Every structure is written in structure tokens, then in C-alpha cells.
């Protein structure tokens, strides 16, 4: 593995882990709850309609809201880092 590839893989992994909380907040999963009028609010509304007025515990909206409030657990951070590293590696392959 060349130096450029290593740099892109590490940068992709680190960048993804750092960016994940900002992305969650950007779509409306904030530490104060789901932001009104956001994409997350639309997801919550749709989930509530499907589930008869409530959001299912353990569902996508609930898990993303938990991550927005307390941050990503270690396993999720590892998964996000893996995706970022893969994107970095693919970028390196395309550049070389």
C-alpha cells in the first residue's frame, strides 16, 4: 500500500467518524430532540403513521435519535470508520 493510499484510507475513516454526528444533527436528530420541520421530523411522522401513532422502540428513527442525543456507540463508530476507509481506498484506486 502506497503512502497516498494509506493517507486516504486513514483520512476517510477519521473524517467519517467526525462527520457522522454533524450529519445526524444536520438532518434533524439533535441532542435536544428531533428538530421541527426537518427530514428527521418527516421520518418520525411517517413512522408514527405506519405504527398507529407511536414510533417503534428499536426502529430506525429511535436508533438515529438515540445516536443524535448520546452519540454513536463504539460498534457504530467502527462501522462508520470502515465505510470511510473504504471510500478513501476507492478514491486512491481511482487516482492511481
C-alpha atoms as a PDB file:
ATOM      1  CA  UNK A   1       0.000   0.000   0.000  1.00  0.00           C
ATOM      2  CA  UNK A   2       1.411   3.335  -1.006  1.00  0.00           C
ATOM      3  CA  UNK A   3       1.614   6.427   1.124  1.00  0.00           C
ATOM      4  CA  UNK A   4      -1.230   8.135  -0.775  1.00  0.00           C
ATOM      5  CA  UNK A   5      -3.484   5.111  -0.317  1.00  0.00           C
ATOM      6  CA  UNK A   6      -2.714   4.915   3.404  1.00  0.00           C
ATOM      7  CA  UNK A   7      -3.372   8.624   3.844  1.00  0.00           C
ATOM      8  CA  UNK A   8      -6.699   8.457   2.023  1.00  0.00           C
ATOM      9  CA  UNK A   9      -7.832   5.355   3.924  1.00  0.00           C
ATOM     10  CA  UNK A  10      -6.944   6.857   7.318  1.00  0.00           C
ATOM     11  CA  UNK A  11      -8.362  10.248   6.379  1.00  0.00           C
ATOM     12  CA  UNK A  12     -11.581   8.683   5.150  1.00  0.00           C
ATOM     13  CA  UNK A  13     -12.015   6.671   8.334  1.00  0.00           C
ATOM     14  CA  UNK A  14     -11.299   9.607  10.639  1.00  0.00           C
ATOM     15  CA  UNK A  15     -13.366  12.031   8.578  1.00  0.00           C
ATOM     16  CA  UNK A  16     -16.395   9.746   8.593  1.00  0.00           C
ATOM     17  CA  UNK A  17     -16.305   9.289  12.374  1.00  0.00           C
ATOM     18  CA  UNK A  18     -16.007  13.042  12.918  1.00  0.00           C
ATOM     19  CA  UNK A  19     -18.681  13.891  10.339  1.00  0.00           C
ATOM     20  CA  UNK A  20     -21.332  11.387  11.487  1.00  0.00           C
ATOM     21  CA  UNK A  21     -22.641  13.423  14.475  1.00  0.00           C
ATOM     22  CA  UNK A  22     -22.733  16.582  12.367  1.00  0.00           C
ATOM     23  CA  UNK A  23     -24.677  14.803   9.650  1.00  0.00           C
ATOM     24  CA  UNK A  24     -27.171  13.443  12.196  1.00  0.00           C
ATOM     25  CA  UNK A  25     -27.696  16.948  13.572  1.00  0.00           C
ATOM     26  CA  UNK A  26     -27.946  18.341  10.042  1.00  0.00           C
ATOM     27  CA  UNK A  27     -30.896  16.110   9.185  1.00  0.00           C
ATOM     28  CA  UNK A  28     -32.600  16.915  12.486  1.00  0.00           C
ATOM     29  CA  UNK A  29     -31.500  14.290  15.043  1.00  0.00           C
ATOM     30  CA  UNK A  30     -30.180  16.753  17.649  1.00  0.00           C
ATOM     31  CA  UNK A  31     -29.233  16.416  21.300  1.00  0.00           C
ATOM     32  CA  UNK A  32     -32.372  18.401  22.181  1.00  0.00           C
ATOM     33  CA  UNK A  33     -34.656  16.054  20.225  1.00  0.00           C
ATOM     34  CA  UNK A  34     -35.938  15.938  16.677  1.00  0.00           C
ATOM     35  CA  UNK A  35     -35.900  19.390  15.070  1.00  0.00           C
ATOM     36  CA  UNK A  36     -39.268  20.649  13.859  1.00  0.00           C
ATOM     37  CA  UNK A  37     -39.664  20.757  10.078  1.00  0.00           C
ATOM     38  CA  UNK A  38     -36.532  18.677   9.467  1.00  0.00           C
ATOM     39  CA  UNK A  39     -36.001  15.499   7.463  1.00  0.00           C
ATOM     40  CA  UNK A  40     -35.921  13.648  10.810  1.00  0.00           C
ATOM     41  CA  UNK A  41     -39.349  15.087  11.673  1.00  0.00           C
ATOM     42  CA  UNK A  42     -40.691  13.744   8.392  1.00  0.00           C
ATOM     43  CA  UNK A  43     -39.223  10.318   9.166  1.00  0.00           C
ATOM     44  CA  UNK A  44     -40.772  10.411  12.633  1.00  0.00           C
ATOM     45  CA  UNK A  45     -44.157  11.383  11.229  1.00  0.00           C
ATOM     46  CA  UNK A  46     -44.086   8.593   8.660  1.00  0.00           C
ATOM     47  CA  UNK A  47     -43.019   6.046  11.301  1.00  0.00           C
ATOM     48  CA  UNK A  48     -45.826   7.182  13.599  1.00  0.00           C
ATOM     49  CA  UNK A  49     -48.417   6.817  10.835  1.00  0.00           C
ATOM     50  CA  UNK A  50     -47.218   3.312   9.995  1.00  0.00           C
ATOM     51  CA  UNK A  51     -47.174   2.272  13.667  1.00  0.00           C
ATOM     52  CA  UNK A  52     -50.572   3.667  14.612  1.00  0.00           C
ATOM     53  CA  UNK A  53     -49.408   6.903  16.231  1.00  0.00           C
ATOM     54  CA  UNK A  54     -46.237   5.824  18.013  1.00  0.00           C
ATOM     55  CA  UNK A  55     -42.613   5.419  16.991  1.00  0.00           C
ATOM     56  CA  UNK A  56     -41.451   1.838  17.491  1.00  0.00           C
ATOM     57  CA  UNK A  57     -38.680   1.298  20.026  1.00  0.00           C
ATOM     58  CA  UNK A  58     -35.596  -0.016  18.266  1.00  0.00           C
ATOM     59  CA  UNK A  59     -36.760   1.283  14.898  1.00  0.00           C
ATOM     60  CA  UNK A  60     -34.685   3.435  12.576  1.00  0.00           C
ATOM     61  CA  UNK A  61     -35.995   6.740  13.913  1.00  0.00           C
ATOM     62  CA  UNK A  62     -35.493   5.692  17.536  1.00  0.00           C
ATOM     63  CA  UNK A  63     -31.945   4.443  16.916  1.00  0.00           C
ATOM     64  CA  UNK A  64     -30.942   7.586  14.996  1.00  0.00           C
ATOM     65  CA  UNK A  65     -32.445   9.823  17.675  1.00  0.00           C
ATOM     66  CA  UNK A  66     -30.512   7.968  20.362  1.00  0.00           C
ATOM     67  CA  UNK A  67     -27.328   8.457  18.349  1.00  0.00           C
ATOM     68  CA  UNK A  68     -28.174  12.145  17.983  1.00  0.00           C
ATOM     69  CA  UNK A  69     -28.590  12.543  21.740  1.00  0.00           C
ATOM     70  CA  UNK A  70     -25.765  10.423  23.175  1.00  0.00           C
ATOM     71  CA  UNK A  71     -23.517   9.894  20.152  1.00  0.00           C
ATOM     72  CA  UNK A  72     -22.605   6.769  18.276  1.00  0.00           C
ATOM     73  CA  UNK A  73     -21.771   3.614  20.217  1.00  0.00           C
ATOM     74  CA  UNK A  74     -18.370   2.009  19.610  1.00  0.00           C
ATOM     75  CA  UNK A  75     -19.730  -0.570  17.173  1.00  0.00           C
ATOM     76  CA  UNK A  76     -21.449   2.089  15.076  1.00  0.00           C
ATOM     77  CA  UNK A  77     -18.310   4.246  15.120  1.00  0.00           C
ATOM     78  CA  UNK A  78     -16.325   1.266  13.873  1.00  0.00           C
ATOM     79  CA  UNK A  79     -18.837   0.700  11.090  1.00  0.00           C
ATOM     80  CA  UNK A  80     -18.758   4.361  10.070  1.00  0.00           C
ATOM     81  CA  UNK A  81     -14.946   4.279  10.115  1.00  0.00           C
ATOM     82  CA  UNK A  82     -14.999   1.193   7.908  1.00  0.00           C
ATOM     83  CA  UNK A  83     -17.213   2.903   5.363  1.00  0.00           C
ATOM     84  CA  UNK A  84     -14.989   5.997   5.400  1.00  0.00           C
ATOM     85  CA  UNK A  85     -11.871   3.877   4.972  1.00  0.00           C
ATOM     86  CA  UNK A  86     -13.465   2.056   2.047  1.00  0.00           C
ATOM     87  CA  UNK A  87     -14.345   5.340   0.359  1.00  0.00           C
ATOM     88  CA  UNK A  88     -10.764   6.510   0.912  1.00  0.00           C
ATOM     89  CA  UNK A  89      -9.373   3.307  -0.600  1.00  0.00           C
ATOM     90  CA  UNK A  90     -11.670   3.518  -3.629  1.00  0.00           C
ATOM     91  CA  UNK A  91     -10.602   7.139  -4.098  1.00  0.00           C
ATOM     92  CA  UNK A  92      -6.942   6.052  -4.000  1.00  0.00           C
ATOM     93  CA  UNK A  93      -7.569   3.303  -6.557  1.00  0.00           C
ATOM     94  CA  UNK A  94      -9.286   5.754  -8.896  1.00  0.00           C
ATOM     95  CA  UNK A  95      -6.467   8.302  -8.550  1.00  0.00           C
ATOM     96  CA  UNK A  96      -3.629   5.871  -9.183  1.00  0.00           C
END
